[in-house]
PDB file of all heavy atoms in Angstrom:
ATOM      1  N   GLU A   1       7.926 -27.424  18.820  1.00  0.00           N
ATOM      2  CA  GLU A   1       6.819 -27.411  19.795  1.00  0.00           C
ATOM      3  C   GLU A   1       5.606 -28.132  19.225  1.00  0.00           C
ATOM      4  O   GLU A   1       4.951 -28.931  19.920  1.00  0.00           O
ATOM      5  CB  GLU A   1       6.460 -25.975  20.157  1.00  0.00           C
ATOM      6  CG  GLU A   1       5.351 -25.883  21.198  1.00  0.00           C
ATOM      7  CD  GLU A   1       5.042 -24.461  21.619  1.00  0.00           C
ATOM      8  OE1 GLU A   1       5.871 -23.560  21.377  1.00  0.00           O
ATOM      9  OE2 GLU A   1       3.959 -24.251  22.192  1.00  0.00           O
ATOM     10  N   LEU A   2       5.285 -27.859  17.968  1.00  0.00           N
ATOM     11  CA  LEU A   2       4.146 -28.520  17.333  1.00  0.00           C
ATOM     12  C   LEU A   2       4.360 -30.030  17.218  1.00  0.00           C
ATOM     13  O   LEU A   2       3.440 -30.821  17.408  1.00  0.00           O
ATOM     14  CB  LEU A   2       3.902 -27.933  15.943  1.00  0.00           C
ATOM     15  CG  LEU A   2       3.387 -26.493  15.894  1.00  0.00           C
ATOM     16  CD1 LEU A   2       3.371 -25.985  14.462  1.00  0.00           C
ATOM     17  CD2 LEU A   2       1.987 -26.412  16.502  1.00  0.00           C
ATOM     18  N   LYS A   3       5.605 -30.409  16.921  1.00  0.00           N
ATOM     19  CA  LYS A   3       5.917 -31.840  16.809  1.00  0.00           C
ATOM     20  C   LYS A   3       5.824 -32.523  18.168  1.00  0.00           C
ATOM     21  O   LYS A   3       5.270 -33.608  18.293  1.00  0.00           O
ATOM     22  CB  LYS A   3       7.321 -32.028  16.221  1.00  0.00           C
ATOM     23  CG  LYS A   3       7.674 -33.488  15.937  1.00  0.00           C
ATOM     24  CD  LYS A   3       9.006 -33.602  15.229  1.00  0.00           C
ATOM     25  CE  LYS A   3       9.406 -35.050  14.988  1.00  0.00           C
ATOM     26  NZ  LYS A   3       8.452 -35.773  14.137  1.00  0.00           N
ATOM     27  N   GLU A   4       6.361 -31.856  19.187  1.00  0.00           N
ATOM     28  CA  GLU A   4       6.361 -32.423  20.538  1.00  0.00           C
ATOM     29  C   GLU A   4       4.941 -32.604  21.060  1.00  0.00           C
ATOM     30  O   GLU A   4       4.634 -33.604  21.724  1.00  0.00           O
ATOM     31  CB  GLU A   4       7.154 -31.505  21.481  1.00  0.00           C
ATOM     32  CG  GLU A   4       7.249 -32.006  22.909  1.00  0.00           C
ATOM     33  CD  GLU A   4       8.132 -33.230  23.058  1.00  0.00           C
ATOM     34  OE1 GLU A   4       8.996 -33.478  22.192  1.00  0.00           O
ATOM     35  OE2 GLU A   4       7.933 -33.951  24.067  1.00  0.00           O
ATOM     36  N   THR A   5       4.069 -31.643  20.755  1.00  0.00           N
ATOM     37  CA  THR A   5       2.695 -31.707  21.261  1.00  0.00           C
ATOM     38  C   THR A   5       1.736 -32.406  20.289  1.00  0.00           C
ATOM     39  O   THR A   5       0.541 -32.479  20.554  1.00  0.00           O
ATOM     40  CB  THR A   5       2.168 -30.287  21.532  1.00  0.00           C
ATOM     41  OG1 THR A   5       2.218 -29.517  20.314  1.00  0.00           O
ATOM     42  CG2 THR A   5       3.000 -29.600  22.602  1.00  0.00           C
ATOM     43  N   LYS A   6       2.319 -32.877  19.152  1.00  0.00           N
ATOM     44  CA  LYS A   6       1.512 -33.556  18.125  1.00  0.00           C
ATOM     45  C   LYS A   6       0.345 -32.674  17.654  1.00  0.00           C
ATOM     46  O   LYS A   6      -0.773 -33.143  17.441  1.00  0.00           O
ATOM     47  CB  LYS A   6       0.980 -34.899  18.648  1.00  0.00           C
ATOM     48  CG  LYS A   6       2.066 -35.922  18.948  1.00  0.00           C
ATOM     49  CD  LYS A   6       1.464 -37.235  19.398  1.00  0.00           C
ATOM     50  CE  LYS A   6       2.496 -38.343  19.486  1.00  0.00           C
ATOM     51  NZ  LYS A   6       3.566 -38.125  20.429  1.00  0.00           N
ATOM     52  N   SER A   7       0.626 -31.369  17.526  1.00  0.00           N
ATOM     53  CA  SER A   7      -0.404 -30.406  17.134  1.00  0.00           C
ATOM     54  C   SER A   7      -0.441 -30.145  15.637  1.00  0.00           C
ATOM     55  O   SER A   7      -1.238 -29.330  15.163  1.00  0.00           O
ATOM     56  CB  SER A   7      -0.176 -29.079  17.866  1.00  0.00           C
ATOM     57  OG  SER A   7      -0.199 -29.260  19.265  1.00  0.00           O
ATOM     58  N   ALA A   8       0.442 -30.800  14.883  1.00  0.00           N
ATOM     59  CA  ALA A   8       0.487 -30.597  13.427  1.00  0.00           C
ATOM     60  C   ALA A   8       0.856 -31.918  12.765  1.00  0.00           C
ATOM     61  O   ALA A   8       1.602 -32.715  13.333  1.00  0.00           O
ATOM     62  CB  ALA A   8       1.500 -29.519  13.065  1.00  0.00           C
ATOM     63  N   ASN A   9       0.314 -32.129  11.562  1.00  0.00           N
ATOM     64  CA  ASN A   9       0.658 -33.361  10.862  1.00  0.00           C
ATOM     65  C   ASN A   9       1.927 -33.161  10.025  1.00  0.00           C
ATOM     66  O   ASN A   9       2.494 -32.068   9.977  1.00  0.00           O
ATOM     67  CB  ASN A   9      -0.515 -33.841   9.988  1.00  0.00           C
ATOM     68  CG  ASN A   9      -0.888 -32.854   8.893  1.00  0.00           C
ATOM     69  OD1 ASN A   9      -0.057 -32.087   8.409  1.00  0.00           O
ATOM     70  ND2 ASN A   9      -2.163 -32.865   8.489  1.00  0.00           N
ATOM     71  N   ALA A  10       2.356 -34.217   9.358  1.00  0.00           N
ATOM     72  CA  ALA A  10       3.614 -34.176   8.612  1.00  0.00           C
ATOM     73  C   ALA A  10       3.583 -33.149   7.485  1.00  0.00           C
ATOM     74  O   ALA A  10       4.584 -32.479   7.210  1.00  0.00           O
ATOM     75  CB  ALA A  10       3.933 -35.563   8.052  1.00  0.00           C
ATOM     76  N   ASP A  11       2.437 -32.998   6.815  1.00  0.00           N
ATOM     77  CA  ASP A  11       2.336 -32.013   5.734  1.00  0.00           C
ATOM     78  C   ASP A  11       2.463 -30.591   6.285  1.00  0.00           C
ATOM     79  O   ASP A  11       3.113 -29.728   5.659  1.00  0.00           O
ATOM     80  CB  ASP A  11       1.006 -32.169   4.995  1.00  0.00           C
ATOM     81  CG  ASP A  11       0.976 -33.417   4.124  1.00  0.00           C
ATOM     82  OD1 ASP A  11       1.902 -33.602   3.321  1.00  0.00           O
ATOM     83  OD2 ASP A  11       0.026 -34.209   4.252  1.00  0.00           O
ATOM     84  N   ASN A  12       1.850 -30.336   7.444  1.00  0.00           N
ATOM     85  CA  ASN A  12       1.965 -29.015   8.076  1.00  0.00           C
ATOM     86  C   ASN A  12       3.420 -28.711   8.419  1.00  0.00           C
ATOM     87  O   ASN A  12       3.923 -27.614   8.146  1.00  0.00           O
ATOM     88  CB  ASN A  12       1.141 -28.954   9.370  1.00  0.00           C
ATOM     89  CG  ASN A  12      -0.343 -29.188   9.174  1.00  0.00           C
ATOM     90  OD1 ASN A  12      -1.024 -29.703  10.071  1.00  0.00           O
ATOM     91  ND2 ASN A  12      -0.869 -28.833   8.011  1.00  0.00           N
ATOM     92  N   LEU A  13       4.094 -29.692   9.015  1.00  0.00           N
ATOM     93  CA  LEU A  13       5.478 -29.492   9.432  1.00  0.00           C
ATOM     94  C   LEU A  13       6.398 -29.312   8.224  1.00  0.00           C
ATOM     95  O   LEU A  13       7.318 -28.487   8.255  1.00  0.00           O
ATOM     96  CB  LEU A  13       5.943 -30.672  10.286  1.00  0.00           C
ATOM     97  CG  LEU A  13       5.264 -30.813  11.648  1.00  0.00           C
ATOM     98  CD1 LEU A  13       5.740 -32.076  12.358  1.00  0.00           C
ATOM     99  CD2 LEU A  13       5.539 -29.592  12.521  1.00  0.00           C
ATOM    100  N   ALA A  14       6.131 -30.058   7.158  1.00  0.00           N
ATOM    101  CA  ALA A  14       6.936 -29.910   5.937  1.00  0.00           C
ATOM    102  C   ALA A  14       6.819 -28.488   5.402  1.00  0.00           C
ATOM    103  O   ALA A  14       7.821 -27.874   4.999  1.00  0.00           O
ATOM    104  CB  ALA A  14       6.485 -30.916   4.880  1.00  0.00           C
ATOM    105  N   ALA A  15       5.603 -27.943   5.414  1.00  0.00           N
ATOM    106  CA  ALA A  15       5.390 -26.575   4.934  1.00  0.00           C
ATOM    107  C   ALA A  15       6.129 -25.565   5.814  1.00  0.00           C
ATOM    108  O   ALA A  15       6.715 -24.594   5.303  1.00  0.00           O
ATOM    109  CB  ALA A  15       3.896 -26.256   4.906  1.00  0.00           C
ATOM    110  N   LEU A  16       6.137 -25.790   7.131  1.00  0.00           N
ATOM    111  CA  LEU A  16       6.836 -24.881   8.035  1.00  0.00           C
ATOM    112  C   LEU A  16       8.350 -24.968   7.843  1.00  0.00           C
ATOM    113  O   LEU A  16       9.051 -23.950   7.885  1.00  0.00           O
ATOM    114  CB  LEU A  16       6.466 -25.197   9.486  1.00  0.00           C
ATOM    115  CG  LEU A  16       5.051 -24.787   9.909  1.00  0.00           C
ATOM    116  CD1 LEU A  16       4.714 -25.343  11.287  1.00  0.00           C
ATOM    117  CD2 LEU A  16       4.912 -23.261   9.914  1.00  0.00           C
ATOM    118  N   PHE A  17       8.856 -26.174   7.635  1.00  0.00           N
ATOM    119  CA  PHE A  17      10.288 -26.329   7.356  1.00  0.00           C
ATOM    120  C   PHE A  17      10.661 -25.574   6.081  1.00  0.00           C
ATOM    121  O   PHE A  17      11.706 -24.917   5.998  1.00  0.00           O
ATOM    122  CB  PHE A  17      10.659 -27.802   7.203  1.00  0.00           C
ATOM    123  CG  PHE A  17      11.025 -28.483   8.498  1.00  0.00           C
ATOM    124  CD1 PHE A  17      10.238 -29.503   9.014  1.00  0.00           C
ATOM    125  CD2 PHE A  17      12.163 -28.102   9.190  1.00  0.00           C
ATOM    126  CE1 PHE A  17      10.577 -30.135  10.203  1.00  0.00           C
ATOM    127  CE2 PHE A  17      12.511 -28.727  10.384  1.00  0.00           C
ATOM    128  CZ  PHE A  17      11.712 -29.753  10.892  1.00  0.00           C
ATOM    129  N   MET A  18       9.796 -25.677   5.070  1.00  0.00           N
ATOM    130  CA  MET A  18      10.061 -24.982   3.806  1.00  0.00           C
ATOM    131  C   MET A  18      10.025 -23.462   4.011  1.00  0.00           C
ATOM    132  O   MET A  18      10.825 -22.723   3.417  1.00  0.00           O
ATOM    133  CB  MET A  18       9.038 -25.400   2.746  1.00  0.00           C
ATOM    134  CG  MET A  18       9.166 -26.831   2.272  1.00  0.00           C
ATOM    135  SD  MET A  18      10.709 -27.129   1.392  1.00  0.00           S
ATOM    136  CE  MET A  18      10.498 -28.877   0.977  1.00  0.00           C
ATOM    137  N   ALA A  19       9.115 -22.991   4.850  1.00  0.00           N
ATOM    138  CA  ALA A  19       9.031 -21.556   5.128  1.00  0.00           C
ATOM    139  C   ALA A  19      10.300 -21.083   5.847  1.00  0.00           C
ATOM    140  O   ALA A  19      10.870 -20.035   5.520  1.00  0.00           O
ATOM    141  CB  ALA A  19       7.803 -21.252   5.977  1.00  0.00           C
ATOM    142  N   SER A  20      10.756 -21.871   6.819  1.00  0.00           N
ATOM    143  CA  SER A  20      11.990 -21.546   7.532  1.00  0.00           C
ATOM    144  C   SER A  20      13.164 -21.503   6.565  1.00  0.00           C
ATOM    145  O   SER A  20      14.022 -20.603   6.632  1.00  0.00           O
ATOM    146  CB  SER A  20      12.241 -22.599   8.622  1.00  0.00           C
ATOM    147  OG  SER A  20      13.490 -22.387   9.242  1.00  0.00           O
ATOM    148  N   ARG A  21      13.188 -22.445   5.644  1.00  0.00           N
ATOM    149  CA  ARG A  21      14.261 -22.513   4.636  1.00  0.00           C
ATOM    150  C   ARG A  21      14.222 -21.281   3.731  1.00  0.00           C
ATOM    151  O   ARG A  21      15.263 -20.741   3.367  1.00  0.00           O
ATOM    152  CB  ARG A  21      14.085 -23.800   3.833  1.00  0.00           C
ATOM    153  CG  ARG A  21      15.159 -24.080   2.797  1.00  0.00           C
ATOM    154  CD  ARG A  21      15.096 -25.538   2.365  1.00  0.00           C
ATOM    155  NE  ARG A  21      15.264 -26.400   3.507  1.00  0.00           N
ATOM    156  CZ  ARG A  21      14.375 -27.312   3.895  1.00  0.00           C
ATOM    157  NH1 ARG A  21      13.249 -27.477   3.227  1.00  0.00           N
ATOM    158  NH2 ARG A  21      14.608 -28.067   4.949  1.00  0.00           N
ATOM    159  N   TYR A  22      13.027 -20.854   3.375  1.00  0.00           N
ATOM    160  CA  TYR A  22      12.868 -19.690   2.504  1.00  0.00           C
ATOM    161  C   TYR A  22      13.498 -18.455   3.149  1.00  0.00           C
ATOM    162  O   TYR A  22      14.239 -17.704   2.500  1.00  0.00           O
ATOM    163  CB  TYR A  22      11.381 -19.449   2.228  1.00  0.00           C
ATOM    164  CG  TYR A  22      11.102 -18.227   1.389  1.00  0.00           C
ATOM    165  CD1 TYR A  22      11.191 -18.274   0.000  1.00  0.00           C
ATOM    166  CD2 TYR A  22      10.743 -17.021   1.989  1.00  0.00           C
ATOM    167  CE1 TYR A  22      10.931 -17.147  -0.775  1.00  0.00           C
ATOM    168  CE2 TYR A  22      10.485 -15.896   1.228  1.00  0.00           C
ATOM    169  CZ  TYR A  22      10.586 -15.967  -0.154  1.00  0.00           C
ATOM    170  OH  TYR A  22      10.345 -14.847  -0.906  1.00  0.00           O
ATOM    171  N   PHE A  23      13.203 -18.235   4.438  1.00  0.00           N
ATOM    172  CA  PHE A  23      13.763 -17.078   5.137  1.00  0.00           C
ATOM    173  C   PHE A  23      15.283 -17.171   5.216  1.00  0.00           C
ATOM    174  O   PHE A  23      15.988 -16.178   5.036  1.00  0.00           O
ATOM    175  CB  PHE A  23      13.168 -16.963   6.542  1.00  0.00           C
ATOM    176  CG  PHE A  23      11.742 -16.491   6.566  1.00  0.00           C
ATOM    177  CD1 PHE A  23      10.761 -17.230   7.215  1.00  0.00           C
ATOM    178  CD2 PHE A  23      11.374 -15.310   5.941  1.00  0.00           C
ATOM    179  CE1 PHE A  23       9.434 -16.798   7.238  1.00  0.00           C
ATOM    180  CE2 PHE A  23      10.062 -14.858   5.956  1.00  0.00           C
ATOM    181  CZ  PHE A  23       9.088 -15.614   6.599  1.00  0.00           C
ATOM    182  N   LEU A  24      15.797 -18.377   5.504  1.00  0.00           N
ATOM    183  CA  LEU A  24      17.235 -18.556   5.594  1.00  0.00           C
ATOM    184  C   LEU A  24      17.913 -18.258   4.264  1.00  0.00           C
ATOM    185  O   LEU A  24      18.949 -17.582   4.206  1.00  0.00           O
ATOM    186  CB  LEU A  24      17.565 -19.981   6.039  1.00  0.00           C
ATOM    187  CG  LEU A  24      19.052 -20.343   6.127  1.00  0.00           C
ATOM    188  CD1 LEU A  24      19.766 -19.477   7.154  1.00  0.00           C
ATOM    189  CD2 LEU A  24      19.223 -21.824   6.464  1.00  0.00           C
ATOM    190  N   LEU A  25      17.318 -18.748   3.189  1.00  0.00           N
ATOM    191  CA  LEU A  25      17.885 -18.517   1.861  1.00  0.00           C
ATOM    192  C   LEU A  25      17.889 -17.031   1.507  1.00  0.00           C
ATOM    193  O   LEU A  25      18.908 -16.478   1.084  1.00  0.00           O
ATOM    194  CB  LEU A  25      17.091 -19.305   0.809  1.00  0.00           C
ATOM    195  CG  LEU A  25      17.301 -20.819   0.781  1.00  0.00           C
ATOM    196  CD1 LEU A  25      16.216 -21.481  -0.069  1.00  0.00           C
ATOM    197  CD2 LEU A  25      18.675 -21.167   0.223  1.00  0.00           C
ATOM    198  N   LYS A  26      16.739 -16.391   1.685  1.00  0.00           N
ATOM    199  CA  LYS A  26      16.593 -14.994   1.258  1.00  0.00           C
ATOM    200  C   LYS A  26      17.373 -14.019   2.140  1.00  0.00           C
ATOM    201  O   LYS A  26      17.918 -13.027   1.643  1.00  0.00           O
ATOM    202  CB  LYS A  26      15.112 -14.608   1.240  1.00  0.00           C
ATOM    203  CG  LYS A  26      14.272 -15.402   0.259  1.00  0.00           C
ATOM    204  CD  LYS A  26      14.768 -15.247  -1.171  1.00  0.00           C
ATOM    205  CE  LYS A  26      13.908 -16.030  -2.146  1.00  0.00           C
ATOM    206  NZ  LYS A  26      14.439 -15.967  -3.533  1.00  0.00           N
ATOM    207  N   LYS A  27      17.416 -14.291   3.439  1.00  0.00           N
ATOM    208  CA  LYS A  27      18.011 -13.323   4.359  1.00  0.00           C
ATOM    209  C   LYS A  27      19.496 -13.569   4.646  1.00  0.00           C
ATOM    210  O   LYS A  27      20.197 -12.648   5.078  1.00  0.00           O
ATOM    211  CB  LYS A  27      17.233 -13.307   5.679  1.00  0.00           C
ATOM    212  CG  LYS A  27      15.808 -12.790   5.521  1.00  0.00           C
ATOM    213  CD  LYS A  27      15.124 -12.655   6.879  1.00  0.00           C
ATOM    214  CE  LYS A  27      13.735 -12.047   6.735  1.00  0.00           C
ATOM    215  NZ  LYS A  27      13.072 -11.840   8.046  1.00  0.00           N
TER     216      LYS A  27
END
């Protein structure tokens, strides 16, 4: 949604991808 609406830059999105990855790894 953030990417589609251009509401976040690449660094923001990279951090969110990493957060999503963290949950997937741990859970």
